[in-house]
Amino acid sequence: METSAYTSYNTIDGVVFPATEIQTNGVQKSNISYTSYTINPDFTDNDWDIPAL
């Protein structure tokens, strides 16, 4: 079973986001650090193109 714990929260534009996520799956443990968030980014039509193989 995988679990996730969120710590070290930051407030960006009035919304609270975690700065750190700790994922545990049995004996494996991963620490993920979020350094930035982009709120409502601008996308172009090209962003939705299927990449060439």
N, C-alpha and C. Protein backbone atom coordinates (compact mmCIF):
# COMPACT_ATOMS: atom_id res chain seq x y z
N MET A 1 0.84 -1.18 0.00
CA MET A 1 0.00 0.00 0.00
C MET A 1 0.89 1.25 0.00
N GLU A 2 0.57 2.19 -0.84
CA GLU A 2 1.34 3.43 -0.92
C GLU A 2 0.65 4.51 -0.11
N THR A 3 1.44 5.26 0.62
CA THR A 3 0.91 6.40 1.37
C THR A 3 1.70 7.65 1.01
N SER A 4 1.05 8.78 1.12
CA SER A 4 1.70 10.07 0.88
C SER A 4 1.42 10.98 2.06
N ALA A 5 2.45 11.70 2.50
CA ALA A 5 2.32 12.69 3.55
C ALA A 5 2.85 14.01 3.02
N TYR A 6 2.16 15.09 3.31
CA TYR A 6 2.54 16.41 2.83
C TYR A 6 2.96 17.27 4.01
N THR A 7 4.08 18.00 3.85
CA THR A 7 4.59 18.85 4.92
C THR A 7 5.11 20.16 4.36
N SER A 8 5.50 21.05 5.24
CA SER A 8 6.13 22.33 4.88
C SER A 8 5.31 23.09 3.84
N TYR A 9 4.18 23.59 4.25
CA TYR A 9 3.26 24.25 3.34
C TYR A 9 3.65 25.70 3.04
N ASN A 10 3.35 26.14 1.81
CA ASN A 10 3.55 27.53 1.38
C ASN A 10 2.22 28.07 0.87
N THR A 11 1.97 29.35 1.09
CA THR A 11 0.75 30.00 0.58
C THR A 11 1.12 30.81 -0.65
N ILE A 12 0.42 30.52 -1.76
CA ILE A 12 0.65 31.20 -3.03
C ILE A 12 -0.70 31.71 -3.53
N ASP A 13 -0.81 33.02 -3.70
CA ASP A 13 -2.07 33.64 -4.15
C ASP A 13 -3.25 33.20 -3.29
N GLY A 14 -3.03 33.06 -2.01
CA GLY A 14 -4.10 32.70 -1.08
C GLY A 14 -4.43 31.22 -1.01
N VAL A 15 -3.71 30.38 -1.76
CA VAL A 15 -3.93 28.93 -1.76
C VAL A 15 -2.73 28.25 -1.11
N VAL A 16 -2.99 27.29 -0.23
CA VAL A 16 -1.92 26.60 0.48
C VAL A 16 -1.50 25.36 -0.30
N PHE A 17 -0.18 25.26 -0.58
CA PHE A 17 0.38 24.12 -1.30
C PHE A 17 1.49 23.49 -0.47
N PRO A 18 1.64 22.15 -0.58
CA PRO A 18 2.75 21.51 0.14
C PRO A 18 4.08 21.78 -0.55
N ALA A 19 5.13 21.95 0.25
CA ALA A 19 6.48 22.12 -0.30
C ALA A 19 7.20 20.78 -0.34
N THR A 20 6.73 19.82 0.46
CA THR A 20 7.37 18.51 0.52
C THR A 20 6.31 17.42 0.55
N GLU A 21 6.56 16.36 -0.21
CA GLU A 21 5.69 15.17 -0.22
C GLU A 21 6.58 13.96 0.08
N ILE A 22 6.13 13.15 1.01
CA ILE A 22 6.86 11.92 1.35
C ILE A 22 5.97 10.74 0.96
N GLN A 23 6.44 9.94 0.00
CA GLN A 23 5.70 8.76 -0.46
C GLN A 23 6.37 7.52 0.11
N THR A 24 5.56 6.62 0.67
CA THR A 24 6.07 5.38 1.22
C THR A 24 5.30 4.23 0.59
N ASN A 25 6.05 3.22 0.10
CA ASN A 25 5.46 2.03 -0.49
C ASN A 25 6.24 0.84 0.05
N GLY A 26 5.77 0.27 1.13
CA GLY A 26 6.50 -0.83 1.76
C GLY A 26 7.79 -0.31 2.36
N VAL A 27 8.92 -0.83 1.88
CA VAL A 27 10.22 -0.41 2.41
C VAL A 27 10.80 0.77 1.64
N GLN A 28 10.22 1.11 0.49
CA GLN A 28 10.72 2.23 -0.31
C GLN A 28 10.11 3.54 0.18
N LYS A 29 10.96 4.57 0.22
CA LYS A 29 10.50 5.88 0.66
C LYS A 29 11.07 6.93 -0.29
N SER A 30 10.21 7.85 -0.74
CA SER A 30 10.63 8.91 -1.65
C SER A 30 10.27 10.26 -1.05
N ASN A 31 11.21 11.20 -1.12
CA ASN A 31 10.96 12.57 -0.70
C ASN A 31 10.93 13.44 -1.96
N ILE A 32 9.84 14.18 -2.13
CA ILE A 32 9.68 15.05 -3.29
C ILE A 32 9.58 16.48 -2.77
N SER A 33 10.43 17.37 -3.29
CA SER A 33 10.40 18.78 -2.91
C SER A 33 9.87 19.60 -4.07
N TYR A 34 8.83 20.36 -3.81
CA TYR A 34 8.26 21.26 -4.81
C TYR A 34 8.87 22.64 -4.62
N THR A 35 9.50 23.16 -5.66
CA THR A 35 10.16 24.46 -5.55
C THR A 35 9.33 25.60 -6.12
N SER A 36 8.34 25.27 -6.98
CA SER A 36 7.48 26.32 -7.53
C SER A 36 6.17 25.72 -8.03
N TYR A 37 5.18 26.55 -8.09
CA TYR A 37 3.88 26.20 -8.65
C TYR A 37 3.51 27.29 -9.64
N THR A 38 2.84 26.92 -10.72
CA THR A 38 2.32 27.90 -11.67
C THR A 38 0.81 27.81 -11.64
N ILE A 39 0.17 28.91 -11.29
CA ILE A 39 -1.29 28.96 -11.18
C ILE A 39 -1.86 29.47 -12.50
N ASN A 40 -2.79 28.71 -13.08
CA ASN A 40 -3.45 29.08 -14.33
C ASN A 40 -2.47 29.50 -15.43
N PRO A 41 -1.60 28.59 -15.85
CA PRO A 41 -0.64 28.95 -16.91
C PRO A 41 -1.34 29.15 -18.25
N ASP A 42 -0.71 29.91 -19.12
CA ASP A 42 -1.24 30.10 -20.48
C ASP A 42 -0.76 28.95 -21.35
N PHE A 43 -1.70 28.31 -22.05
CA PHE A 43 -1.38 27.23 -22.97
C PHE A 43 -1.69 27.67 -24.39
N THR A 44 -0.92 27.17 -25.34
CA THR A 44 -1.20 27.41 -26.76
C THR A 44 -1.75 26.11 -27.36
N ASP A 45 -2.26 26.18 -28.57
CA ASP A 45 -2.76 24.98 -29.24
C ASP A 45 -1.64 23.96 -29.42
N ASN A 46 -0.40 24.42 -29.63
CA ASN A 46 0.73 23.52 -29.82
C ASN A 46 1.03 22.69 -28.57
N ASP A 47 0.65 23.17 -27.41
CA ASP A 47 0.88 22.42 -26.18
C ASP A 47 0.09 21.11 -26.16
N TRP A 48 -0.96 21.00 -26.96
CA TRP A 48 -1.82 19.83 -26.97
C TRP A 48 -1.50 18.88 -28.12
N ASP A 49 -0.48 19.21 -28.94
CA ASP A 49 -0.08 18.34 -30.06
C ASP A 49 0.51 17.03 -29.53
N ILE A 50 0.26 15.95 -30.24
CA ILE A 50 0.84 14.66 -29.89
C ILE A 50 2.29 14.66 -30.34
N PRO A 51 3.23 14.34 -29.46
CA PRO A 51 4.64 14.36 -29.85
C PRO A 51 4.95 13.31 -30.92
N ALA A 52 5.91 13.63 -31.79
CA ALA A 52 6.35 12.67 -32.82
C ALA A 52 7.13 11.55 -32.15
N LEU A 53 6.99 10.35 -32.69
CA LEU A 53 7.72 9.20 -32.14
C LEU A 53 9.04 9.01 -32.78
